[in-house]
C-alpha atoms as a PDB file:
ATOM      1  CA  MET A   1     -16.937  52.247 -34.166  1.00  0.00           C
ATOM      2  CA  ALA A   2     -19.032  54.078 -36.758  1.00  0.00           C
ATOM      3  CA  THR A   3     -17.961  53.770 -40.435  1.00  0.00           C
ATOM      4  CA  PRO A   4     -19.606  55.327 -43.633  1.00  0.00           C
ATOM      5  CA  PHE A   5     -22.135  53.173 -45.348  1.00  0.00           C
ATOM      6  CA  GLU A   6     -23.293  53.223 -48.872  1.00  0.00           C
ATOM      7  CA  VAL A   7     -26.429  54.949 -50.109  1.00  0.00           C
ATOM      8  CA  SER A   8     -27.983  54.746 -53.572  1.00  0.00           C
ATOM      9  CA  ASP A   9     -30.440  56.539 -55.685  1.00  0.00           C
ATOM     10  CA  ALA A  10     -32.964  53.983 -54.303  1.00  0.00           C
ATOM     11  CA  THR A  11     -32.226  54.516 -50.745  1.00  0.00           C
ATOM     12  CA  PHE A  12     -31.220  58.283 -50.770  1.00  0.00           C
ATOM     13  CA  GLU A  13     -34.665  59.656 -49.613  1.00  0.00           C
ATOM     14  CA  LYS A  14     -34.869  57.067 -46.676  1.00  0.00           C
ATOM     15  CA  ASP A  15     -31.356  57.065 -45.597  1.00  0.00           C
ATOM     16  CA  VAL A  16     -30.490  60.976 -45.848  1.00  0.00           C
ATOM     17  CA  LEU A  17     -33.671  63.087 -46.388  1.00  0.00           C
ATOM     18  CA  GLN A  18     -35.728  61.251 -43.593  1.00  0.00           C
ATOM     19  CA  ALA A  19     -32.901  60.589 -41.259  1.00  0.00           C
ATOM     20  CA  ALA A  20     -33.133  61.988 -37.518  1.00  0.00           C
ATOM     21  CA  GLN A  21     -29.519  62.857 -37.334  1.00  0.00           C
ATOM     22  CA  PRO A  22     -27.528  65.379 -39.526  1.00  0.00           C
ATOM     23  CA  THR A  23     -26.245  63.179 -42.322  1.00  0.00           C
ATOM     24  CA  LEU A  24     -23.118  63.877 -44.404  1.00  0.00           C
ATOM     25  CA  VAL A  25     -22.984  62.735 -47.868  1.00  0.00           C
ATOM     26  CA  ASP A  26     -19.780  61.918 -49.478  1.00  0.00           C
ATOM     27  CA  PHE A  27     -20.470  62.175 -53.304  1.00  0.00           C
ATOM     28  CA  TRP A  28     -17.456  60.075 -54.992  1.00  0.00           C
ATOM     29  CA  ALA A  29     -16.040  57.818 -57.644  1.00  0.00           C
ATOM     30  CA  GLU A  30     -13.367  55.020 -57.820  1.00  0.00           C
ATOM     31  CA  TRP A  31     -11.144  57.004 -60.343  1.00  0.00           C
ATOM     32  CA  CYS A  32     -11.308  60.195 -58.559  1.00  0.00           C
ATOM     33  CA  LYS A  33      -7.984  60.818 -56.863  1.00  0.00           C
ATOM     34  CA  PRO A  34      -9.039  63.873 -54.826  1.00  0.00           C
ATOM     35  CA  CYS A  35     -12.015  61.533 -53.552  1.00  0.00           C
ATOM     36  CA  LYS A  36      -9.547  58.887 -52.363  1.00  0.00           C
ATOM     37  CA  MET A  37      -7.380  61.603 -50.647  1.00  0.00           C
ATOM     38  CA  ILE A  38     -10.435  63.074 -48.713  1.00  0.00           C
ATOM     39  CA  GLY A  39     -11.780  59.547 -47.641  1.00  0.00           C
ATOM     40  CA  PRO A  40      -9.731  59.073 -44.516  1.00  0.00           C
ATOM     41  CA  ALA A  41     -10.869  62.433 -43.128  1.00  0.00           C
ATOM     42  CA  VAL A  42     -14.617  61.353 -44.017  1.00  0.00           C
ATOM     43  CA  GLU A  43     -13.951  58.156 -42.348  1.00  0.00           C
ATOM     44  CA  ALA A  44     -12.487  59.983 -39.351  1.00  0.00           C
ATOM     45  CA  LEU A  45     -15.586  62.314 -39.327  1.00  0.00           C
ATOM     46  CA  ALA A  46     -17.671  59.488 -38.836  1.00  0.00           C
ATOM     47  CA  GLU A  47     -15.761  57.843 -35.981  1.00  0.00           C
ATOM     48  CA  GLU A  48     -15.322  60.980 -34.290  1.00  0.00           C
ATOM     49  CA  CYS A  49     -18.853  62.340 -34.703  1.00  0.00           C
ATOM     50  CA  ASP A  50     -20.751  59.015 -33.937  1.00  0.00           C
ATOM     51  CA  GLY A  51     -24.014  59.729 -32.457  1.00  0.00           C
ATOM     52  CA  ARG A  52     -24.096  63.301 -33.436  1.00  0.00           C
ATOM     53  CA  LEU A  53     -23.781  62.782 -37.497  1.00  0.00           C
ATOM     54  CA  ARG A  54     -24.024  60.105 -39.611  1.00  0.00           C
ATOM     55  CA  VAL A  55     -21.861  59.816 -42.723  1.00  0.00           C
ATOM     56  CA  VAL A  56     -22.655  57.885 -45.962  1.00  0.00           C
ATOM     57  CA  LYS A  57     -21.354  57.591 -49.470  1.00  0.00           C
ATOM     58  CA  LEU A  58     -22.783  57.813 -52.796  1.00  0.00           C
ATOM     59  CA  ASN A  59     -21.012  56.477 -55.825  1.00  0.00           C
ATOM     60  CA  VAL A  60     -21.757  59.034 -58.594  1.00  0.00           C
ATOM     61  CA  ASP A  61     -21.157  56.508 -61.373  1.00  0.00           C
ATOM     62  CA  ALA A  62     -23.327  53.892 -60.112  1.00  0.00           C
ATOM     63  CA  ASN A  63     -25.957  56.472 -59.155  1.00  0.00           C
ATOM     64  CA  PRO A  64     -26.212  59.355 -61.339  1.00  0.00           C
ATOM     65  CA  ASP A  65     -29.748  60.561 -60.678  1.00  0.00           C
ATOM     66  CA  THR A  66     -29.172  61.924 -56.897  1.00  0.00           C
ATOM     67  CA  PRO A  67     -26.044  64.151 -58.020  1.00  0.00           C
ATOM     68  CA  ARG A  68     -27.867  65.335 -60.889  1.00  0.00           C
ATOM     69  CA  ASP A  69     -30.883  66.440 -59.109  1.00  0.00           C
ATOM     70  CA  LEU A  70     -28.780  67.940 -56.284  1.00  0.00           C
ATOM     71  CA  HIS A  71     -26.461  69.759 -59.030  1.00  0.00           C
ATOM     72  CA  VAL A  72     -23.271  68.093 -57.748  1.00  0.00           C
ATOM     73  CA  MET A  73     -21.290  69.239 -60.602  1.00  0.00           C
ATOM     74  CA  SER A  74     -17.849  67.851 -59.404  1.00  0.00           C
ATOM     75  CA  ILE A  75     -16.317  65.583 -57.005  1.00  0.00           C
ATOM     76  CA  PRO A  76     -15.469  65.169 -54.113  1.00  0.00           C
ATOM     77  CA  THR A  77     -18.440  67.048 -53.028  1.00  0.00           C
ATOM     78  CA  LEU A  78     -19.832  66.569 -49.316  1.00  0.00           C
ATOM     79  CA  LEU A  79     -23.250  67.845 -48.802  1.00  0.00           C
ATOM     80  CA  LEU A  80     -24.749  68.061 -45.129  1.00  0.00           C
ATOM     81  CA  PHE A  81     -28.344  67.496 -44.459  1.00  0.00           C
ATOM     82  CA  LYS A  82     -30.323  68.317 -41.541  1.00  0.00           C
ATOM     83  CA  ASN A  83     -34.241  67.691 -41.275  1.00  0.00           C
ATOM     84  CA  GLY A  84     -34.108  66.734 -44.869  1.00  0.00           C
ATOM     85  CA  VAL A  85     -32.465  70.141 -46.109  1.00  0.00           C
ATOM     86  CA  GLU A  86     -28.978  70.797 -47.357  1.00  0.00           C
ATOM     87  CA  VAL A  87     -27.469  73.232 -44.800  1.00  0.00           C
ATOM     88  CA  THR A  88     -23.801  72.826 -46.127  1.00  0.00           C
ATOM     89  CA  ARG A  89     -21.938  72.231 -49.482  1.00  0.00           C
ATOM     90  CA  ILE A  90     -18.478  71.443 -49.505  1.00  0.00           C
ATOM     91  CA  ILE A  91     -16.621  70.904 -52.850  1.00  0.00           C
ATOM     92  CA  GLY A  92     -13.024  69.479 -53.327  1.00  0.00           C
ATOM     93  CA  TYR A  93     -10.499  68.095 -50.998  1.00  0.00           C
ATOM     94  CA  ARG A  94     -10.229  69.859 -47.508  1.00  0.00           C
ATOM     95  CA  PRO A  95      -8.097  68.447 -44.457  1.00  0.00           C
ATOM     96  CA  LYS A  96     -10.314  67.124 -41.642  1.00  0.00           C
ATOM     97  CA  GLU A  97      -9.860  69.941 -39.421  1.00  0.00           C
ATOM     98  CA  ALA A  98     -11.477  72.258 -42.235  1.00  0.00           C
ATOM     99  CA  LEU A  99     -14.338  69.870 -42.751  1.00  0.00           C
ATOM    100  CA  LEU A 100     -15.160  69.812 -39.056  1.00  0.00           C
ATOM    101  CA  GLU A 101     -15.115  73.531 -38.773  1.00  0.00           C
ATOM    102  CA  ALA A 102     -17.905  73.753 -41.710  1.00  0.00           C
ATOM    103  CA  LEU A 103     -19.860  70.712 -40.070  1.00  0.00           C
ATOM    104  CA  LEU A 104     -19.741  71.560 -36.458  1.00  0.00           C
ATOM    105  CA  PRO A 105     -22.244  74.519 -36.467  1.00  0.00           C
ATOM    106  CA  HIS A 106     -24.821  72.098 -37.607  1.00  0.00           C
ATOM    107  CA  VAL A 107     -24.422  69.345 -35.128  1.00  0.00           C
ATOM    108  CA  GLU A 108     -24.578  68.872 -31.240  1.00  0.00           C
ATOM    109  CA  PRO A 109     -21.099  69.910 -29.822  1.00  0.00           C
ATOM    110  CA  LEU A 110     -18.692  66.979 -29.495  1.00  0.00           C
ATOM    111  CA  ASP A 111     -18.246  67.696 -25.494  1.00  0.00           C
ATOM    112  CA  THR A 112     -22.006  66.996 -24.878  1.00  0.00           C
ATOM    113  CA  PRO A 113     -23.593  63.446 -24.793  1.00  0.00           C
ATOM    114  CA  PRO A 114     -25.526  62.788 -28.179  1.00  0.00           C
ATOM    115  CA  SER A 115     -29.249  63.127 -27.869  1.00  0.00           C
ATOM    116  CA  VAL A 116     -31.144  59.712 -27.831  1.00  0.00           C
END
């Protein structure tokens, strides 16, 4: 069972930009109610797309440099990186189905085995 894991300013390049798989970054903060609302959908994506999509979380309060560098102006913001390049940006709360619709064009189809 895949679950999102925390990344930081210090680990962002290695864990996200150099990742072999597409990587979804959830920019969030503890005080953010919409972040808490989208959390279960992000966790479900991590599980449903395991092997095709990595899901990570970055706390903007503890790690201000990366959001600043990427021009993340509000949270929740989800950024999908593929081969070290941002390919999709989702700002604000969205239900899981809408998240999947935005992300699936950038990951392997769910009905094919994951690449090794």
